[in-house]
């Protein structure tokens, strides 16, 4: 079973890397960029066929390691 975990900063949390990317895009002549927020994507392969078990394991992984839940949100998608 495969899954994708997406981690993004919560609204209101400053994103200096996103601002740097936004500035770089503008300096490269890319027009129409109003703002950039960066995040992380984890593609994870699981050794279980039980969707509920996989989701529980992934949520635990996010809470313990993959996301800083004070400043980040995460979304789990199981394929």
N, C-alpha and C. Protein backbone atom coordinates (compact mmCIF):
# COMPACT_ATOMS: atom_id res chain seq x y z
N UNK A 1 0.85 -1.17 0.00
CA UNK A 1 0.00 0.00 0.00
C UNK A 1 0.90 1.23 0.00
N UNK A 2 0.51 2.22 -0.78
CA UNK A 2 1.29 3.46 -0.88
C UNK A 2 0.49 4.61 -0.30
N UNK A 3 1.22 5.57 0.25
CA UNK A 3 0.58 6.74 0.84
C UNK A 3 1.42 7.98 0.56
N UNK A 4 0.78 9.11 0.64
CA UNK A 4 1.47 10.39 0.52
C UNK A 4 1.07 11.24 1.71
N UNK A 5 2.09 11.77 2.39
CA UNK A 5 1.87 12.68 3.51
C UNK A 5 2.37 14.05 3.07
N UNK A 6 1.51 15.05 3.17
CA UNK A 6 1.86 16.42 2.83
C UNK A 6 1.86 17.25 4.10
N UNK A 7 2.96 17.93 4.35
CA UNK A 7 3.11 18.76 5.54
C UNK A 7 3.27 20.21 5.09
N UNK A 8 2.44 21.09 5.64
CA UNK A 8 2.51 22.51 5.30
C UNK A 8 2.46 23.35 6.58
N UNK A 9 2.97 24.55 6.48
CA UNK A 9 2.92 25.47 7.61
C UNK A 9 1.48 25.92 7.84
N UNK A 10 1.12 26.11 9.09
CA UNK A 10 -0.21 26.61 9.42
C UNK A 10 -0.32 28.06 8.98
N UNK A 11 -1.56 28.50 8.72
CA UNK A 11 -1.78 29.90 8.36
C UNK A 11 -1.31 30.77 9.51
N UNK A 12 -0.69 31.88 9.17
CA UNK A 12 -0.20 32.80 10.18
C UNK A 12 1.24 32.55 10.59
N UNK A 13 1.80 31.40 10.22
CA UNK A 13 3.21 31.10 10.53
C UNK A 13 4.06 31.67 9.40
N UNK A 14 5.06 32.45 9.75
CA UNK A 14 5.94 33.03 8.74
C UNK A 14 6.67 31.94 7.97
N UNK A 15 6.85 32.16 6.67
CA UNK A 15 7.48 31.18 5.79
C UNK A 15 8.62 31.86 5.03
N UNK A 16 9.80 32.03 5.66
CA UNK A 16 10.90 32.72 4.99
C UNK A 16 11.37 32.00 3.72
N UNK A 17 11.32 30.68 3.71
CA UNK A 17 11.74 29.95 2.50
C UNK A 17 10.75 30.21 1.37
N UNK A 18 9.47 30.25 1.68
CA UNK A 18 8.47 30.57 0.67
C UNK A 18 8.67 31.97 0.11
N UNK A 19 9.00 32.93 0.99
CA UNK A 19 9.26 34.30 0.54
C UNK A 19 10.49 34.36 -0.36
N UNK A 20 11.53 33.58 -0.02
CA UNK A 20 12.73 33.54 -0.85
C UNK A 20 12.42 32.97 -2.23
N UNK A 21 11.61 31.91 -2.26
CA UNK A 21 11.22 31.31 -3.55
C UNK A 21 10.39 32.30 -4.36
N UNK A 22 9.48 32.99 -3.70
CA UNK A 22 8.67 34.01 -4.38
C UNK A 22 9.55 35.09 -4.99
N UNK A 23 10.53 35.59 -4.23
CA UNK A 23 11.45 36.60 -4.75
C UNK A 23 12.26 36.08 -5.92
N UNK A 24 12.72 34.83 -5.83
CA UNK A 24 13.51 34.25 -6.91
C UNK A 24 12.69 34.10 -8.18
N UNK A 25 11.44 33.67 -8.04
CA UNK A 25 10.58 33.53 -9.21
C UNK A 25 10.36 34.88 -9.89
N UNK A 26 10.12 35.90 -9.07
CA UNK A 26 9.92 37.24 -9.64
C UNK A 26 11.17 37.74 -10.33
N UNK A 27 12.35 37.48 -9.74
CA UNK A 27 13.60 37.93 -10.36
C UNK A 27 13.90 37.17 -11.65
N UNK A 28 13.33 35.98 -11.79
CA UNK A 28 13.49 35.21 -13.02
C UNK A 28 12.48 35.60 -14.09
N UNK A 29 11.62 36.54 -13.75
CA UNK A 29 10.64 37.03 -14.72
C UNK A 29 9.34 36.28 -14.74
N UNK A 30 9.11 35.40 -13.78
CA UNK A 30 7.85 34.68 -13.70
C UNK A 30 6.80 35.66 -13.17
N UNK A 31 5.77 35.89 -13.96
CA UNK A 31 4.76 36.88 -13.59
C UNK A 31 3.52 36.23 -13.00
N UNK A 32 2.78 37.01 -12.24
CA UNK A 32 1.51 36.55 -11.71
C UNK A 32 1.62 35.80 -10.38
N UNK A 33 2.81 35.79 -9.78
CA UNK A 33 2.98 35.10 -8.49
C UNK A 33 2.54 36.05 -7.38
N UNK A 34 1.52 35.66 -6.64
CA UNK A 34 1.00 36.49 -5.56
C UNK A 34 1.58 36.08 -4.21
N UNK A 35 2.03 34.84 -4.09
CA UNK A 35 2.60 34.36 -2.84
C UNK A 35 3.00 32.91 -2.97
N UNK A 36 3.98 32.50 -2.17
CA UNK A 36 4.46 31.11 -2.18
C UNK A 36 4.55 30.63 -0.74
N UNK A 37 4.03 29.45 -0.49
CA UNK A 37 4.19 28.75 0.79
C UNK A 37 4.82 27.41 0.45
N UNK A 38 5.89 27.06 1.11
CA UNK A 38 6.55 25.79 0.82
C UNK A 38 6.18 24.76 1.87
N UNK A 39 6.36 23.50 1.51
CA UNK A 39 6.04 22.41 2.42
C UNK A 39 6.88 21.19 2.11
N UNK A 40 6.46 20.06 2.66
CA UNK A 40 7.19 18.81 2.46
C UNK A 40 6.20 17.75 2.00
N UNK A 41 6.68 16.85 1.15
CA UNK A 41 5.87 15.71 0.70
C UNK A 41 6.66 14.44 0.95
N UNK A 42 6.01 13.46 1.59
CA UNK A 42 6.62 12.16 1.85
C UNK A 42 5.80 11.10 1.13
N UNK A 43 6.44 10.35 0.24
CA UNK A 43 5.80 9.19 -0.39
C UNK A 43 6.26 7.97 0.39
N UNK A 44 5.30 7.26 0.98
CA UNK A 44 5.61 6.18 1.90
C UNK A 44 4.96 4.88 1.42
N UNK A 45 5.73 3.82 1.44
CA UNK A 45 5.19 2.50 1.10
C UNK A 45 4.99 1.73 2.40
N UNK A 46 3.81 1.19 2.58
CA UNK A 46 3.46 0.48 3.82
C UNK A 46 3.36 -1.01 3.57
N UNK A 47 3.68 -1.78 4.60
CA UNK A 47 3.64 -3.22 4.49
C UNK A 47 2.36 -3.83 5.02
N UNK A 48 1.25 -3.10 4.88
CA UNK A 48 -0.04 -3.61 5.34
C UNK A 48 -1.09 -3.34 4.27
N UNK A 49 -2.11 -4.17 4.25
CA UNK A 49 -3.23 -3.96 3.32
C UNK A 49 -4.43 -3.38 4.04
N UNK A 50 -4.33 -3.22 5.36
CA UNK A 50 -5.41 -2.69 6.18
C UNK A 50 -5.34 -1.16 6.18
N UNK A 51 -6.31 -0.54 5.52
CA UNK A 51 -6.30 0.92 5.36
C UNK A 51 -6.37 1.65 6.71
N UNK A 52 -7.19 1.17 7.62
CA UNK A 52 -7.32 1.82 8.93
C UNK A 52 -6.01 1.72 9.71
N UNK A 53 -5.37 0.58 9.65
CA UNK A 53 -4.09 0.39 10.34
C UNK A 53 -3.02 1.30 9.73
N UNK A 54 -3.01 1.38 8.40
CA UNK A 54 -2.04 2.23 7.71
C UNK A 54 -2.25 3.69 8.09
N UNK A 55 -3.49 4.13 8.09
CA UNK A 55 -3.78 5.52 8.43
C UNK A 55 -3.36 5.84 9.87
N UNK A 56 -3.62 4.93 10.78
CA UNK A 56 -3.22 5.12 12.18
C UNK A 56 -1.70 5.21 12.31
N UNK A 57 -0.99 4.34 11.59
CA UNK A 57 0.48 4.35 11.65
C UNK A 57 1.04 5.64 11.08
N UNK A 58 0.45 6.12 9.98
CA UNK A 58 0.92 7.36 9.36
C UNK A 58 0.63 8.58 10.24
N UNK A 59 -0.53 8.61 10.86
CA UNK A 59 -0.84 9.71 11.77
C UNK A 59 0.13 9.72 12.94
N UNK A 60 0.46 8.55 13.47
CA UNK A 60 1.44 8.47 14.56
C UNK A 60 2.81 8.97 14.09
N UNK A 61 3.20 8.59 12.87
CA UNK A 61 4.48 9.04 12.32
C UNK A 61 4.51 10.56 12.18
N UNK A 62 3.40 11.13 11.75
CA UNK A 62 3.33 12.59 11.61
C UNK A 62 3.43 13.27 12.96
N UNK A 63 2.70 12.77 13.93
CA UNK A 63 2.69 13.37 15.26
C UNK A 63 4.06 13.26 15.93
N UNK A 64 4.78 12.18 15.67
CA UNK A 64 6.06 11.94 16.35
C UNK A 64 7.26 12.51 15.62
N UNK A 65 7.22 12.56 14.27
CA UNK A 65 8.43 12.90 13.53
C UNK A 65 8.22 13.79 12.31
N UNK A 66 7.29 13.45 11.46
CA UNK A 66 7.21 14.10 10.15
C UNK A 66 6.73 15.54 10.20
N UNK A 67 5.92 15.89 11.19
CA UNK A 67 5.38 17.25 11.27
C UNK A 67 5.58 17.81 12.67
N UNK A 68 5.89 19.09 12.73
CA UNK A 68 5.90 19.81 14.00
C UNK A 68 4.50 20.37 14.15
N UNK A 69 3.66 19.68 14.89
CA UNK A 69 2.23 20.02 14.92
C UNK A 69 1.93 21.35 15.60
N UNK A 70 2.92 21.97 16.21
CA UNK A 70 2.72 23.31 16.77
C UNK A 70 2.58 24.33 15.64
N UNK A 71 3.38 24.15 14.58
CA UNK A 71 3.39 25.14 13.49
C UNK A 71 3.01 24.55 12.13
N UNK A 72 2.81 23.23 12.05
CA UNK A 72 2.53 22.60 10.76
C UNK A 72 1.25 21.77 10.80
N UNK A 73 0.58 21.72 9.66
CA UNK A 73 -0.54 20.82 9.43
C UNK A 73 -0.04 19.67 8.56
N UNK A 74 -0.73 18.55 8.62
CA UNK A 74 -0.39 17.45 7.72
C UNK A 74 -1.66 16.82 7.17
N UNK A 75 -1.49 16.21 5.98
CA UNK A 75 -2.61 15.53 5.32
C UNK A 75 -2.09 14.17 4.85
N UNK A 76 -2.86 13.12 5.15
CA UNK A 76 -2.49 11.76 4.78
C UNK A 76 -3.42 11.30 3.67
N UNK A 77 -2.84 10.83 2.57
CA UNK A 77 -3.62 10.28 1.44
C UNK A 77 -3.12 8.86 1.19
N UNK A 78 -4.03 7.91 1.23
CA UNK A 78 -3.66 6.52 0.98
C UNK A 78 -4.19 6.12 -0.39
N UNK A 79 -3.29 5.58 -1.20
CA UNK A 79 -3.65 5.20 -2.58
C UNK A 79 -4.34 3.86 -2.61
